[in-house]
Amino acid sequence: MADPRASLPPVLYLVHRIPYPPNKGDKVRSFNILRQLARTRRVFLGTFVDHPDDRQHVARLGEWCEDVCAVELDPRFGRIKSLRGLLTGEALSLPYYRSARLAQWVRATVAQHGITQAVAFSGPMAQYLDAPGLQRRIVDFCDVDSAKWTQYAADRPWPMSWLYRREGEHLLAFERKAAMDSDASLFVTEAEAALFIRSAPEARERTQVMQNGVDADFFSPANGGESPYPAGGPVIVFSGAMDYWPNIDAVTWFATELLPQIRRDVPDARFWIVGMNPAPAVQALAGEGVTVTGTVPDVRPYIAHADVVVAPLRIARGIQNKVLEAMAMARPVVVSAEAAVGLAARASEHCEIARGADEMVKCTVGLLADPDRRNLMGRAARVCVVERYSWRAHLRLFDKTLLEFA
């Protein structure tokens, strides 16, 4: 019986972080792309493993990949290595993800298997797309990372403000070059694509949008399991990787400035911070009314049994998977205006969109006080996600439109 994965040419897939398990935002997107490619192609995956817990999952990638080059990346050493960029005049993100072993594997694999098509997931991985023989190159930038670094600079004292601003400028220069050297550049929302085009107008014709999706069968109210919460007052939840700065900033702001205001109206309200690798600043939030879980075996019960899910991100790029997952589980979500950009949902019907601290408090308190409205919004949220955020629909467009030769 013929292998269905041979129906299209083989593809090189380069990802900055091992795409399995899909337990954080970027890995959800990169894994779903991998799974879609593997339906019709032989996939050759080059990636980095930047956390000890992920080493055990490298073997599992054989389910979707014909060959895998997984390079160990110690973030501490990577940060030191990235400082070479100060000497070479390039963005620090590039030497951070630079590996002679991976570069050699890419060139050898392309030559050995006659690979002509490649997808780079995240901007820095585009530095590996110069292998002879590649004829079709796609860069999935997801977000405009250079703008993220510039945004970070506004909130940091010198010298970090200078360093982050420099990173934004140099990374944008690389992003522009990578976009012009590739056949298509993907971004997660129309807003991110428009932002990139304003900075790189020469890449307009090569810039496209591929939204994030959600597995609505996996993230379903039917899969909520037993409640993980002890008896007590209503539960407000934030979920996400807790070593990621925008998430750290979001929960710190919510716990220290917004939760005290919420508890004036709902004294027994509890805030649960659910996610892997909580940074010291996050761990320090644990106390009266605040619980920090760290890694949990399954995030779905924490979402399904929450009274309100919040996404109070003040620094946000693209559509947040955490928001889509909570909506898919029929939970009412209060999302900041920054994190709602590009979200195809109607405010006050599918979710609450809060502009600033006062609205975040008001929306959260309002939902906590009205169980019927919470249930109505949750049901509408799930319908919205099922209709508009199917991974398979988005990725079929990706596969057919971007990777097949005319």
Protein backbone atom coordinates (compact mmCIF):
# COMPACT_ATOMS: atom_id res chain seq x y z
CA MET A 1 0.00 0.00 0.00
CA ALA A 2 1.39 3.39 -1.01
CA ASP A 3 2.52 5.75 1.73
CA PRO A 4 0.05 8.69 1.71
CA ARG A 5 2.89 10.94 2.85
CA ALA A 6 4.57 10.56 -0.52
CA SER A 7 1.80 12.34 -2.41
CA LEU A 8 3.63 15.69 -2.25
CA PRO A 9 7.35 16.56 -2.29
CA PRO A 10 9.28 16.14 0.98
CA VAL A 11 9.64 19.22 3.14
CA LEU A 12 12.27 20.59 5.51
CA TYR A 13 10.69 21.99 8.68
CA LEU A 14 12.82 24.15 11.00
CA VAL A 15 11.44 25.09 14.41
CA HIS A 16 13.14 27.10 17.16
CA ARG A 17 11.66 24.91 19.93
CA ILE A 18 10.70 21.23 19.79
CA PRO A 19 7.06 21.22 18.61
CA TYR A 20 5.95 18.45 20.93
CA PRO A 21 4.20 18.33 23.32
CA PRO A 22 1.96 21.23 22.26
CA ASN A 23 1.79 22.69 25.78
CA LYS A 24 2.49 26.37 25.15
CA GLY A 25 1.46 28.93 22.58
CA ASP A 26 4.21 28.68 19.97
CA LYS A 27 4.36 24.88 20.27
CA VAL A 28 0.62 24.57 19.67
CA ARG A 29 1.01 26.32 16.33
CA SER A 30 4.25 24.61 15.30
CA PHE A 31 2.90 21.15 16.20
CA ASN A 32 -0.30 21.61 14.24
CA ILE A 33 1.71 22.71 11.21
CA LEU A 34 3.91 19.62 11.62
CA ARG A 35 0.89 17.34 11.85
CA GLN A 36 -0.66 18.89 8.75
CA LEU A 37 2.54 18.59 6.72
CA ALA A 38 2.95 14.96 7.77
CA ARG A 39 -0.46 14.02 6.37
CA THR A 40 0.81 14.28 2.81
CA ARG A 41 4.60 14.67 3.01
CA ARG A 42 7.78 13.18 4.33
CA VAL A 43 8.92 15.71 6.92
CA PHE A 44 12.52 16.33 7.93
CA LEU A 45 12.56 18.29 11.18
CA GLY A 46 15.38 20.42 12.55
CA THR A 47 14.73 21.87 16.00
CA PHE A 48 16.15 22.86 19.37
CA VAL A 49 15.43 21.32 22.77
CA ASP A 50 15.71 24.07 25.36
CA HIS A 51 14.25 22.37 28.44
CA PRO A 52 15.30 19.06 30.06
CA ASP A 53 11.69 17.89 30.31
CA ASP A 54 11.41 17.92 26.52
CA ARG A 55 14.26 15.50 25.82
CA GLN A 56 11.96 12.55 26.46
CA HIS A 57 9.68 13.66 23.64
CA VAL A 58 12.25 13.65 20.82
CA ALA A 59 11.58 9.98 20.00
CA ARG A 60 7.84 10.66 19.73
CA LEU A 61 8.50 12.99 16.79
CA GLY A 62 9.14 9.90 14.67
CA GLU A 63 5.36 9.53 14.46
CA TRP A 64 5.29 12.52 12.09
CA CYS A 65 8.87 12.87 10.85
CA GLU A 66 11.12 10.75 8.66
CA ASP A 67 14.21 12.25 10.31
CA VAL A 68 14.82 14.61 13.21
CA CYS A 69 17.84 16.69 14.17
CA ALA A 70 17.18 17.87 17.75
CA VAL A 71 19.95 20.12 19.07
CA GLU A 72 20.29 20.70 22.81
CA LEU A 73 20.12 24.40 23.70
CA ASP A 74 20.97 25.51 27.22
CA PRO A 75 19.29 28.93 27.61
CA ARG A 76 22.06 30.12 29.93
CA PHE A 77 24.77 29.30 27.41
CA GLY A 78 22.56 30.58 24.62
CA ARG A 79 22.32 34.00 26.26
CA ILE A 80 26.10 34.17 26.53
CA LYS A 81 26.50 33.05 22.92
CA SER A 82 23.97 35.65 21.78
CA LEU A 83 26.28 38.45 22.95
CA ARG A 84 28.39 37.76 19.87
CA GLY A 85 25.79 39.81 18.07
CA LEU A 86 27.20 42.93 19.71
CA LEU A 87 30.47 42.26 17.92
CA THR A 88 29.01 41.16 14.59
CA GLY A 89 26.38 43.91 14.43
CA GLU A 90 23.46 41.52 14.17
CA ALA A 91 20.37 40.80 16.28
CA LEU A 92 21.21 38.81 19.41
CA SER A 93 18.44 36.32 18.60
CA LEU A 94 20.42 35.01 15.63
CA PRO A 95 23.55 33.63 17.37
CA TYR A 96 21.26 32.39 20.16
CA TYR A 97 19.69 29.97 17.67
CA ARG A 98 22.85 29.34 15.64
CA SER A 99 24.21 25.79 15.52
CA ALA A 100 26.94 24.43 13.27
CA ARG A 101 25.50 20.95 13.78
CA LEU A 102 22.02 21.97 12.63
CA ALA A 103 23.38 23.93 9.66
CA GLN A 104 25.41 20.92 8.54
CA TRP A 105 22.39 18.61 8.96
CA VAL A 106 20.19 20.95 6.91
CA ARG A 107 22.61 21.04 3.98
CA ALA A 108 23.26 17.30 4.05
CA THR A 109 19.55 16.41 4.34
CA VAL A 110 18.50 18.72 1.52
CA ALA A 111 21.16 17.25 -0.75
CA GLN A 112 20.59 13.61 0.19
CA HIS A 113 16.80 13.64 -0.16
CA GLY A 114 16.43 16.16 -2.98
CA ILE A 115 14.36 18.50 -0.81
CA THR A 116 13.24 21.66 -2.59
CA GLN A 117 10.72 23.08 -0.11
CA ALA A 118 11.27 24.39 3.41
CA VAL A 119 9.30 26.03 6.19
CA ALA A 120 11.01 28.02 8.95
CA PHE A 121 8.96 28.56 12.08
CA SER A 122 9.94 31.88 13.75
CA GLY A 123 12.19 34.48 12.21
CA PRO A 124 15.61 33.36 13.53
CA MET A 125 15.22 29.92 11.91
CA ALA A 126 15.24 31.61 8.50
CA GLN A 127 19.03 31.83 8.82
CA TYR A 128 19.13 28.13 7.83
CA LEU A 129 17.24 28.57 4.54
CA ASP A 130 20.29 29.26 2.38
CA ALA A 131 20.92 25.56 1.71
CA PRO A 132 21.66 24.85 -1.98
CA GLY A 133 18.75 23.06 -3.65
CA LEU A 134 15.92 24.80 -1.81
CA GLN A 135 13.58 26.43 -4.30
CA ARG A 136 10.53 27.25 -2.18
CA ARG A 137 10.94 28.91 1.22
CA ILE A 138 8.21 29.86 3.69
CA VAL A 139 8.85 31.79 6.92
CA ASP A 140 6.15 31.62 9.57
CA PHE A 141 7.07 34.69 11.63
CA CYS A 142 3.86 34.29 13.68
CA ASP A 143 4.31 37.74 15.24
CA VAL A 144 6.54 40.71 14.52
CA ASP A 145 9.17 39.83 17.12
CA SER A 146 11.18 42.98 16.42
CA ALA A 147 8.18 45.06 17.55
CA LYS A 148 7.98 43.00 20.75
CA TRP A 149 11.55 43.88 21.68
CA THR A 150 10.92 47.55 20.95
CA GLN A 151 7.85 47.37 23.17
CA TYR A 152 9.89 45.80 25.97
CA ALA A 153 12.37 48.68 25.76
CA ALA A 154 9.72 51.22 26.73
CA ASP A 155 9.31 49.60 30.16
CA ARG A 156 12.97 49.01 31.04
CA PRO A 157 15.62 51.27 32.59
CA TRP A 158 18.96 51.81 30.87
CA PRO A 159 20.98 49.80 29.80
CA MET A 160 18.29 47.16 29.13
CA SER A 161 16.15 49.72 27.33
CA TRP A 162 19.06 50.37 24.95
CA LEU A 163 19.73 46.65 24.49
CA TYR A 164 16.07 45.84 23.75
CA ARG A 165 15.73 48.79 21.40
CA ARG A 166 18.86 47.68 19.58
CA GLU A 167 17.47 44.15 19.31
CA GLY A 168 14.24 45.50 17.83
CA GLU A 169 16.10 47.50 15.19
CA HIS A 170 18.56 44.77 14.19
CA LEU A 171 15.96 42.01 14.23
CA LEU A 172 13.67 44.04 11.99
CA ALA A 173 16.53 44.39 9.48
CA PHE A 174 16.91 40.60 9.50
CA GLU A 175 13.15 40.03 9.24
CA ARG A 176 12.97 42.29 6.19
CA LYS A 177 15.81 40.44 4.47
CA ALA A 178 14.35 37.03 5.37
CA ALA A 179 10.98 38.08 3.98
CA MET A 180 12.50 39.14 0.67
CA ASP A 181 14.58 35.96 0.45
CA SER A 182 11.50 33.77 0.94
CA ASP A 183 8.43 33.11 -1.17
CA ALA A 184 5.91 33.87 1.57
CA SER A 185 5.88 35.32 5.07
CA LEU A 186 3.10 34.28 7.44
CA PHE A 187 1.67 36.20 10.37
CA VAL A 188 -0.97 35.17 12.85
CA THR A 189 -3.34 38.13 12.43
CA GLU A 190 -4.16 40.84 9.93
CA ALA A 191 -2.91 43.38 12.50
CA GLU A 192 0.52 41.71 12.74
CA ALA A 193 0.77 41.49 8.95
CA ALA A 194 -0.16 45.15 8.59
CA LEU A 195 2.41 46.11 11.24
CA PHE A 196 5.12 44.25 9.36
CA ILE A 197 4.14 45.76 6.01
CA ARG A 198 4.38 49.27 7.50
CA SER A 199 7.99 48.49 8.46
CA ALA A 200 8.77 46.40 5.35
CA PRO A 201 6.61 47.72 2.51
CA GLU A 202 8.79 45.92 -0.02
CA ALA A 203 7.48 42.60 1.34
CA ARG A 204 3.79 43.43 0.90
CA GLU A 205 3.15 40.97 -1.94
CA ARG A 206 4.83 38.13 -0.02
CA THR A 207 3.01 38.68 3.28
CA GLN A 208 0.03 36.51 4.19
CA VAL A 209 -2.08 35.69 7.23
CA MET A 210 -2.59 32.26 8.76
CA GLN A 211 -4.52 32.49 12.01
CA ASN A 212 -4.08 30.31 15.04
CA GLY A 213 -6.63 27.61 15.65
CA VAL A 214 -7.76 25.36 18.44
CA ASP A 215 -8.52 21.67 18.74
CA ALA A 216 -12.14 22.04 19.82
CA ASP A 217 -12.50 18.29 20.35
CA PHE A 218 -9.61 18.21 22.82
CA PHE A 219 -10.54 21.51 24.47
CA SER A 220 -14.16 20.67 25.03
CA PRO A 221 -16.39 21.06 28.09
CA ALA A 222 -16.92 17.31 27.85
CA ASN A 223 -13.25 16.81 28.72
CA GLY A 224 -13.22 18.98 31.83
CA GLY A 225 -12.86 16.12 34.29
CA GLU A 226 -13.13 16.62 38.04
CA SER A 227 -12.64 20.03 39.61
CA PRO A 228 -9.08 20.54 40.89
CA TYR A 229 -10.15 23.36 43.20
CA PRO A 230 -10.74 22.98 46.93
CA ALA A 231 -14.00 24.29 48.32
CA GLY A 232 -14.12 28.05 48.58
CA GLY A 233 -15.03 31.19 46.69
CA PRO A 234 -15.22 31.74 42.94
CA VAL A 235 -12.09 31.02 40.93
CA ILE A 236 -10.40 33.33 38.44
CA VAL A 237 -7.78 31.60 36.28
CA PHE A 238 -4.85 32.58 34.13
CA SER A 239 -3.08 29.81 32.20
CA GLY A 240 0.14 29.92 30.27
CA ALA A 241 3.90 29.38 30.34
CA MET A 242 4.97 31.28 33.44
CA ASP A 243 8.57 31.94 32.41
CA TYR A 244 7.42 34.12 29.51
CA TRP A 245 7.76 37.81 30.28
CA PRO A 246 4.35 39.04 28.96
CA ASN A 247 2.65 36.35 31.09
CA ILE A 248 4.75 37.26 34.13
CA ASP A 249 3.82 40.91 33.68
CA ALA A 250 0.14 40.03 33.22
CA VAL A 251 -0.28 37.94 36.38
CA THR A 252 1.83 40.32 38.47
CA TRP A 253 -0.33 43.24 37.41
CA PHE A 254 -3.53 41.33 37.98
CA ALA A 255 -2.56 39.88 41.38
CA THR A 256 -1.08 43.04 42.88
CA GLU A 257 -3.27 45.79 41.42
CA LEU A 258 -6.55 44.32 40.15
CA LEU A 259 -7.31 41.41 42.47
CA PRO A 260 -7.46 43.63 45.61
CA GLN A 261 -10.10 45.76 43.87
CA ILE A 262 -12.05 42.68 42.77
CA ARG A 263 -11.97 41.27 46.30
CA ARG A 264 -13.55 44.44 47.67
CA ASP A 265 -16.71 43.39 45.79
CA VAL A 266 -16.13 39.63 45.90
CA PRO A 267 -14.13 39.05 49.10
CA ASP A 268 -13.72 35.30 48.65
CA ALA A 269 -12.57 35.45 45.01
CA ARG A 270 -9.46 33.34 44.33
CA PHE A 271 -6.87 33.82 41.61
CA TRP A 272 -5.15 30.69 40.28
CA ILE A 273 -2.04 30.99 38.11
CA VAL A 274 -1.71 27.73 36.16
CA GLY A 275 1.32 26.99 34.03
CA MET A 276 4.79 25.53 33.80
CA ASN A 277 8.07 27.04 34.97
CA PRO A 278 6.80 29.87 37.18
CA ALA A 279 9.49 32.52 37.46
CA PRO A 280 10.54 33.69 40.95
CA ALA A 281 8.42 36.82 40.49
CA VAL A 282 5.38 34.62 39.86
CA GLN A 283 6.09 32.29 42.77
CA ALA A 284 6.30 35.33 45.03
CA LEU A 285 2.65 36.15 44.25
CA ALA A 286 1.38 33.04 46.06
CA GLY A 287 -0.43 33.94 49.25
CA GLU A 288 -3.78 35.27 50.38
CA GLY A 289 -6.20 34.66 47.52
CA VAL A 290 -3.48 33.65 45.02
CA THR A 291 -2.35 30.11 44.13
CA VAL A 292 0.56 29.28 41.79
CA THR A 293 0.37 25.67 40.56
CA GLY A 294 3.47 25.24 38.42
CA THR A 295 3.26 22.40 35.89
CA VAL A 296 -0.02 20.48 35.90
CA PRO A 297 -0.70 17.15 34.13
CA ASP A 298 -3.69 18.55 32.25
CA VAL A 299 -4.73 22.19 32.11
CA ARG A 300 -8.28 21.44 30.95
CA PRO A 301 -9.86 20.79 34.38
CA TYR A 302 -8.43 24.09 35.62
CA ILE A 303 -10.06 25.92 32.74
CA ALA A 304 -13.31 23.97 32.72
CA HIS A 305 -14.04 24.53 36.41
CA ALA A 306 -12.97 28.18 36.55
CA ASP A 307 -15.69 30.74 37.06
CA VAL A 308 -13.85 33.30 34.93
CA VAL A 309 -10.71 33.03 32.79
CA VAL A 310 -8.65 36.20 32.42
CA ALA A 311 -6.02 37.23 29.88
CA PRO A 312 -4.81 40.60 31.23
CA LEU A 313 -1.81 40.88 28.92
CA ARG A 314 -0.38 44.36 28.49
CA ILE A 315 2.26 43.14 26.03
CA ALA A 316 0.66 40.91 23.41
CA ARG A 317 1.34 39.89 19.83
CA GLY A 318 -1.13 37.90 17.78
CA ILE A 319 -4.08 35.75 18.80
CA GLN A 320 -3.59 34.12 22.20
CA ASN A 321 -4.02 30.35 22.26
CA LYS A 322 -4.93 30.55 25.93
CA VAL A 323 -7.96 32.66 25.00
CA LEU A 324 -9.09 30.31 22.23
CA GLU A 325 -8.70 27.27 24.48
CA ALA A 326 -10.78 28.81 27.28
CA MET A 327 -13.47 29.84 24.81
CA ALA A 328 -13.47 26.33 23.31
CA MET A 329 -14.12 24.98 26.81
CA ALA A 330 -17.15 27.28 27.05
CA ARG A 331 -15.71 29.52 29.73
CA PRO A 332 -16.33 33.26 29.98
CA VAL A 333 -13.11 35.13 29.27
CA VAL A 334 -12.05 38.66 30.15
CA VAL A 335 -9.31 39.65 27.73
CA SER A 336 -7.31 42.87 27.57
CA ALA A 337 -7.70 45.03 24.48
CA GLU A 338 -4.04 44.37 23.67
CA ALA A 339 -4.59 40.59 23.63
CA ALA A 340 -7.87 40.88 21.71
CA VAL A 341 -6.36 42.41 18.57
CA GLY A 342 -7.27 40.16 15.66
CA LEU A 343 -9.67 38.04 17.73
CA ALA A 344 -12.82 37.31 15.72
CA ALA A 345 -15.18 37.63 18.68
CA ARG A 346 -17.83 40.15 19.62
CA ALA A 347 -17.32 41.95 22.90
CA SER A 348 -19.96 41.25 25.56
CA GLU A 349 -21.25 38.29 23.54
CA HIS A 350 -18.33 35.90 23.02
CA CYS A 351 -16.01 37.43 25.63
CA GLU A 352 -15.39 40.62 27.54
CA ILE A 353 -12.76 42.97 26.11
CA ALA A 354 -11.33 45.28 28.76
CA ARG A 355 -9.52 48.51 27.99
CA GLY A 356 -7.41 49.25 31.03
CA ALA A 357 -7.47 48.29 34.68
CA ASP A 358 -10.88 49.71 35.57
CA GLU A 359 -12.65 47.79 32.81
CA MET A 360 -10.76 44.59 33.65
CA VAL A 361 -11.98 44.84 37.24
CA LYS A 362 -15.53 45.80 36.25
CA CYS A 363 -15.89 42.99 33.70
CA THR A 364 -14.49 40.35 36.04
CA VAL A 365 -16.70 41.40 38.96
CA GLY A 366 -19.73 41.57 36.68
CA LEU A 367 -19.25 38.00 35.47
CA LEU A 368 -18.56 36.66 38.96
CA ALA A 369 -21.85 38.16 40.11
CA ASP A 370 -23.94 36.70 37.27
CA PRO A 371 -23.80 32.88 36.78
CA ASP A 372 -26.44 32.93 34.04
CA ARG A 373 -24.45 35.43 31.99
CA ARG A 374 -21.28 33.40 32.51
CA ASN A 375 -22.99 30.30 31.11
CA LEU A 376 -24.52 32.18 28.18
CA MET A 377 -21.20 33.78 27.24
CA GLY A 378 -19.37 30.47 27.59
CA ARG A 379 -21.73 28.71 25.20
CA ALA A 380 -21.47 31.56 22.68
CA ALA A 381 -17.68 31.50 23.00
CA ARG A 382 -17.50 27.84 22.07
CA VAL A 383 -19.72 28.31 19.04
CA CYS A 384 -17.46 31.19 17.93
CA VAL A 385 -14.32 29.06 18.21
CA VAL A 386 -15.79 26.01 16.47
CA GLU A 387 -17.01 28.12 13.55
CA ARG A 388 -14.00 30.39 13.09
CA TYR A 389 -10.89 28.73 14.49
CA SER A 390 -10.54 25.28 12.99
CA TRP A 391 -6.87 24.29 12.70
CA ARG A 392 -7.55 21.97 9.82
CA ALA A 393 -9.26 24.67 7.74
CA HIS A 394 -6.40 27.14 8.28
CA LEU A 395 -3.72 24.56 7.59
CA ARG A 396 -5.27 23.20 4.42
CA LEU A 397 -4.92 26.72 3.04
CA PHE A 398 -1.29 26.75 4.21
CA ASP A 399 -0.50 23.42 2.58
CA LYS A 400 -2.25 23.89 -0.72
CA THR A 401 -1.67 27.58 -1.35
CA LEU A 402 1.84 28.06 -0.07
CA LEU A 403 3.75 24.84 -0.51
CA GLU A 404 2.59 23.40 -3.83
CA PHE A 405 4.27 24.58 -6.96
CA ALA A 406 1.99 26.16 -9.51
